[in-house]
Amino acid sequence: MAAKTTSKNQSTRTTPTGARRSRRRKSTFFSFLELVALTFWGRIFLVLLIIAFVALINIAISKNQYDLFFRLTGIELVLVAVFFWLRFLLRKN
């Protein structure tokens, strides 16, 4: 007697270890980001885009109060510097 296959069984696949893995396709946007992140200039573009996004969020939060804007930006810069410094120190090679 053959087992009936359902659409749920077709969308997942069992690996040799028994874990289930989904066969979802990536969206076009994430495929594009992956392609851009593979090039040097694409990485620079993504970093600049993130910096601009964070600056816009800081401006929106501070509501044109310059002292608050620069305080937020300074705190973020210190946190990013500490993060990368710790990442550099704790990296295992």
N, C-alpha and C. Protein backbone atom coordinates (compact mmCIF):
# COMPACT_ATOMS: atom_id res chain seq x y z
N MET A 1 0.85 -1.16 0.00
CA MET A 1 0.00 0.00 0.00
C MET A 1 0.90 1.24 0.00
N ALA A 2 0.78 2.07 -1.00
CA ALA A 2 1.63 3.25 -1.15
C ALA A 2 1.10 4.39 -0.30
N ALA A 3 2.02 5.13 0.29
CA ALA A 3 1.62 6.28 1.11
C ALA A 3 1.27 7.45 0.20
N LYS A 4 0.25 8.16 0.59
CA LYS A 4 -0.20 9.30 -0.20
C LYS A 4 0.70 10.50 0.12
N THR A 5 1.20 11.16 -0.93
CA THR A 5 2.08 12.30 -0.75
C THR A 5 1.25 13.58 -0.74
N THR A 6 1.49 14.41 0.25
CA THR A 6 0.78 15.68 0.34
C THR A 6 1.71 16.80 -0.04
N SER A 7 1.15 17.99 -0.23
CA SER A 7 1.98 19.14 -0.60
C SER A 7 2.91 19.52 0.54
N LYS A 8 2.51 19.24 1.78
CA LYS A 8 3.38 19.55 2.91
C LYS A 8 4.65 18.69 2.87
N ASN A 9 4.52 17.43 2.50
CA ASN A 9 5.68 16.56 2.42
C ASN A 9 6.59 16.92 1.27
N GLN A 10 6.05 17.51 0.22
CA GLN A 10 6.87 17.87 -0.92
C GLN A 10 7.67 19.15 -0.64
N SER A 11 7.19 20.03 0.24
CA SER A 11 7.89 21.30 0.47
C SER A 11 9.05 21.16 1.44
N THR A 12 9.10 20.08 2.21
CA THR A 12 10.22 19.88 3.13
C THR A 12 10.95 18.61 2.75
N ARG A 13 12.18 18.54 3.18
CA ARG A 13 13.02 17.41 2.83
C ARG A 13 13.80 16.97 4.05
N THR A 14 13.90 15.70 4.27
CA THR A 14 14.63 15.19 5.42
C THR A 14 16.08 14.94 5.03
N THR A 15 16.98 15.49 5.82
CA THR A 15 18.41 15.28 5.59
C THR A 15 18.83 13.99 6.29
N PRO A 16 20.04 13.50 6.00
CA PRO A 16 20.49 12.26 6.64
C PRO A 16 20.50 12.33 8.16
N THR A 17 20.65 13.52 8.73
CA THR A 17 20.67 13.63 10.19
C THR A 17 19.26 13.67 10.76
N GLY A 18 18.26 13.76 9.91
CA GLY A 18 16.88 13.76 10.38
C GLY A 18 16.28 15.15 10.50
N ALA A 19 17.07 16.19 10.31
CA ALA A 19 16.54 17.55 10.41
C ALA A 19 15.76 17.89 9.14
N ARG A 20 14.76 18.70 9.29
CA ARG A 20 13.96 19.10 8.13
C ARG A 20 14.50 20.41 7.58
N ARG A 21 14.50 20.48 6.27
CA ARG A 21 15.01 21.66 5.60
C ARG A 21 13.96 22.14 4.60
N SER A 22 13.68 23.41 4.61
CA SER A 22 12.67 23.98 3.72
C SER A 22 13.29 24.25 2.36
N ARG A 23 12.50 24.13 1.31
CA ARG A 23 12.97 24.37 -0.05
C ARG A 23 12.51 25.72 -0.59
N ARG A 24 12.29 26.68 0.26
CA ARG A 24 11.80 27.97 -0.19
C ARG A 24 12.81 28.65 -1.10
N ARG A 25 12.29 29.34 -2.09
CA ARG A 25 13.14 30.15 -2.95
C ARG A 25 13.29 31.53 -2.35
N LYS A 26 14.45 32.13 -2.53
CA LYS A 26 14.67 33.48 -2.03
C LYS A 26 13.92 34.46 -2.91
N SER A 27 13.50 35.57 -2.29
CA SER A 27 12.83 36.59 -3.07
C SER A 27 13.84 37.29 -3.96
N THR A 28 13.34 38.01 -4.93
CA THR A 28 14.21 38.72 -5.86
C THR A 28 15.04 39.77 -5.14
N PHE A 29 14.45 40.44 -4.15
CA PHE A 29 15.16 41.47 -3.41
C PHE A 29 16.37 40.89 -2.68
N PHE A 30 16.19 39.76 -1.99
CA PHE A 30 17.31 39.17 -1.25
C PHE A 30 18.35 38.58 -2.19
N SER A 31 17.92 38.09 -3.33
CA SER A 31 18.89 37.62 -4.33
C SER A 31 19.72 38.78 -4.85
N PHE A 32 19.07 39.94 -5.07
CA PHE A 32 19.78 41.13 -5.53
C PHE A 32 20.77 41.60 -4.47
N LEU A 33 20.35 41.62 -3.19
CA LEU A 33 21.27 42.04 -2.12
C LEU A 33 22.46 41.11 -2.01
N GLU A 34 22.22 39.83 -2.19
CA GLU A 34 23.31 38.85 -2.13
C GLU A 34 24.29 39.10 -3.27
N LEU A 35 23.78 39.40 -4.45
CA LEU A 35 24.62 39.67 -5.61
C LEU A 35 25.42 40.95 -5.41
N VAL A 36 24.79 41.99 -4.88
CA VAL A 36 25.49 43.26 -4.64
C VAL A 36 26.56 43.10 -3.58
N ALA A 37 26.29 42.30 -2.55
CA ALA A 37 27.24 42.13 -1.44
C ALA A 37 28.48 41.34 -1.86
N LEU A 38 28.46 40.72 -3.01
CA LEU A 38 29.62 39.94 -3.45
C LEU A 38 30.72 40.82 -4.06
N THR A 39 30.40 42.05 -4.44
CA THR A 39 31.41 42.91 -5.05
C THR A 39 31.91 43.93 -4.04
N PHE A 40 33.10 44.43 -4.26
CA PHE A 40 33.69 45.44 -3.37
C PHE A 40 32.86 46.72 -3.38
N TRP A 41 32.53 47.22 -4.56
CA TRP A 41 31.76 48.45 -4.65
C TRP A 41 30.33 48.26 -4.14
N GLY A 42 29.81 47.05 -4.28
CA GLY A 42 28.49 46.76 -3.74
C GLY A 42 28.47 46.81 -2.22
N ARG A 43 29.53 46.32 -1.60
CA ARG A 43 29.63 46.39 -0.13
C ARG A 43 29.75 47.83 0.34
N ILE A 44 30.55 48.63 -0.38
CA ILE A 44 30.66 50.04 -0.02
C ILE A 44 29.31 50.73 -0.16
N PHE A 45 28.58 50.43 -1.22
CA PHE A 45 27.26 51.01 -1.43
C PHE A 45 26.31 50.62 -0.29
N LEU A 46 26.32 49.37 0.12
CA LEU A 46 25.45 48.93 1.21
C LEU A 46 25.81 49.60 2.53
N VAL A 47 27.10 49.77 2.80
CA VAL A 47 27.52 50.45 4.03
C VAL A 47 27.06 51.90 4.02
N LEU A 48 27.23 52.59 2.88
CA LEU A 48 26.77 53.97 2.78
C LEU A 48 25.26 54.08 2.92
N LEU A 49 24.55 53.10 2.38
CA LEU A 49 23.09 53.08 2.51
C LEU A 49 22.67 52.91 3.96
N ILE A 50 23.34 52.05 4.69
CA ILE A 50 23.03 51.83 6.11
C ILE A 50 23.35 53.09 6.92
N ILE A 51 24.49 53.73 6.62
CA ILE A 51 24.85 54.97 7.34
C ILE A 51 23.81 56.05 7.09
N ALA A 52 23.35 56.19 5.85
CA ALA A 52 22.34 57.20 5.54
C ALA A 52 21.03 56.89 6.25
N PHE A 53 20.66 55.61 6.31
CA PHE A 53 19.42 55.21 6.98
C PHE A 53 19.48 55.51 8.47
N VAL A 54 20.61 55.21 9.09
CA VAL A 54 20.77 55.48 10.53
C VAL A 54 20.76 56.98 10.80
N ALA A 55 21.39 57.77 9.93
CA ALA A 55 21.38 59.22 10.10
C ALA A 55 19.96 59.77 9.96
N LEU A 56 19.20 59.26 9.03
CA LEU A 56 17.81 59.71 8.87
C LEU A 56 16.96 59.35 10.09
N ILE A 57 17.19 58.18 10.64
CA ILE A 57 16.46 57.80 11.85
C ILE A 57 16.85 58.71 13.01
N ASN A 58 18.15 59.04 13.12
CA ASN A 58 18.60 59.96 14.17
C ASN A 58 17.96 61.33 14.02
N ILE A 59 17.85 61.81 12.79
CA ILE A 59 17.22 63.11 12.56
C ILE A 59 15.74 63.06 12.94
N ALA A 60 15.09 61.95 12.60
CA ALA A 60 13.66 61.82 12.93
C ALA A 60 13.44 61.75 14.44
N ILE A 61 14.32 61.05 15.14
CA ILE A 61 14.18 60.93 16.60
C ILE A 61 14.48 62.26 17.28
N SER A 62 15.51 62.96 16.81
CA SER A 62 15.93 64.19 17.49
C SER A 62 15.04 65.39 17.17
N LYS A 63 14.25 65.31 16.12
CA LYS A 63 13.32 66.38 15.74
C LYS A 63 14.03 67.73 15.63
N ASN A 64 15.13 67.76 14.89
CA ASN A 64 15.92 68.97 14.62
C ASN A 64 16.54 69.60 15.87
N GLN A 65 16.75 68.83 16.91
CA GLN A 65 17.51 69.30 18.07
C GLN A 65 18.94 68.80 17.88
N TYR A 66 19.82 69.73 17.51
CA TYR A 66 21.17 69.35 17.11
C TYR A 66 21.95 68.66 18.22
N ASP A 67 21.80 69.13 19.44
CA ASP A 67 22.56 68.51 20.53
C ASP A 67 22.14 67.05 20.73
N LEU A 68 20.84 66.77 20.62
CA LEU A 68 20.37 65.39 20.76
C LEU A 68 20.83 64.54 19.58
N PHE A 69 20.80 65.10 18.37
CA PHE A 69 21.26 64.37 17.18
C PHE A 69 22.72 63.96 17.32
N PHE A 70 23.58 64.90 17.70
CA PHE A 70 25.00 64.57 17.81
C PHE A 70 25.29 63.66 18.99
N ARG A 71 24.50 63.77 20.05
CA ARG A 71 24.66 62.86 21.19
C ARG A 71 24.31 61.42 20.76
N LEU A 72 23.18 61.26 20.06
CA LEU A 72 22.79 59.93 19.57
C LEU A 72 23.82 59.36 18.60
N THR A 73 24.29 60.20 17.68
CA THR A 73 25.27 59.74 16.71
C THR A 73 26.58 59.36 17.40
N GLY A 74 27.00 60.13 18.39
CA GLY A 74 28.22 59.80 19.13
C GLY A 74 28.11 58.49 19.88
N ILE A 75 26.96 58.28 20.52
CA ILE A 75 26.75 57.02 21.25
C ILE A 75 26.77 55.84 20.28
N GLU A 76 26.15 55.99 19.12
CA GLU A 76 26.15 54.91 18.13
C GLU A 76 27.56 54.63 17.62
N LEU A 77 28.33 55.67 17.37
CA LEU A 77 29.70 55.47 16.90
C LEU A 77 30.55 54.76 17.94
N VAL A 78 30.40 55.12 19.21
CA VAL A 78 31.15 54.46 20.28
C VAL A 78 30.74 52.99 20.38
N LEU A 79 29.45 52.70 20.29
CA LEU A 79 28.98 51.31 20.37
C LEU A 79 29.50 50.48 19.19
N VAL A 80 29.49 51.05 17.99
CA VAL A 80 30.00 50.33 16.82
C VAL A 80 31.50 50.09 16.96
N ALA A 81 32.25 51.10 17.45
CA ALA A 81 33.69 50.94 17.65
C ALA A 81 33.98 49.85 18.68
N VAL A 82 33.25 49.83 19.77
CA VAL A 82 33.45 48.80 20.80
C VAL A 82 33.11 47.42 20.24
N PHE A 83 32.03 47.33 19.47
CA PHE A 83 31.63 46.04 18.89
C PHE A 83 32.73 45.49 17.98
N PHE A 84 33.24 46.33 17.06
CA PHE A 84 34.27 45.84 16.15
C PHE A 84 35.59 45.59 16.88
N TRP A 85 35.90 46.35 17.90
CA TRP A 85 37.10 46.12 18.68
C TRP A 85 37.03 44.77 19.39
N LEU A 86 35.88 44.50 20.04
CA LEU A 86 35.70 43.20 20.71
C LEU A 86 35.70 42.05 19.71
N ARG A 87 35.09 42.27 18.56
CA ARG A 87 35.07 41.24 17.52
C ARG A 87 36.49 40.93 17.04
N PHE A 88 37.30 41.97 16.89
CA PHE A 88 38.69 41.79 16.49
C PHE A 88 39.48 41.03 17.55
N LEU A 89 39.27 41.38 18.83
CA LEU A 89 40.01 40.73 19.90
C LEU A 89 39.60 39.29 20.14
N LEU A 90 38.32 38.99 19.99
CA LEU A 90 37.81 37.67 20.31
C LEU A 90 37.80 36.71 19.12
N ARG A 91 38.19 37.19 17.95
CA ARG A 91 38.20 36.32 16.78
C ARG A 91 39.25 35.24 16.93
N LYS A 92 38.86 34.02 16.60
CA LYS A 92 39.78 32.90 16.70
C LYS A 92 40.32 32.58 15.32
N ASN A 93 41.63 32.60 15.21
CA ASN A 93 42.27 32.24 13.93
C ASN A 93 43.10 31.01 14.09
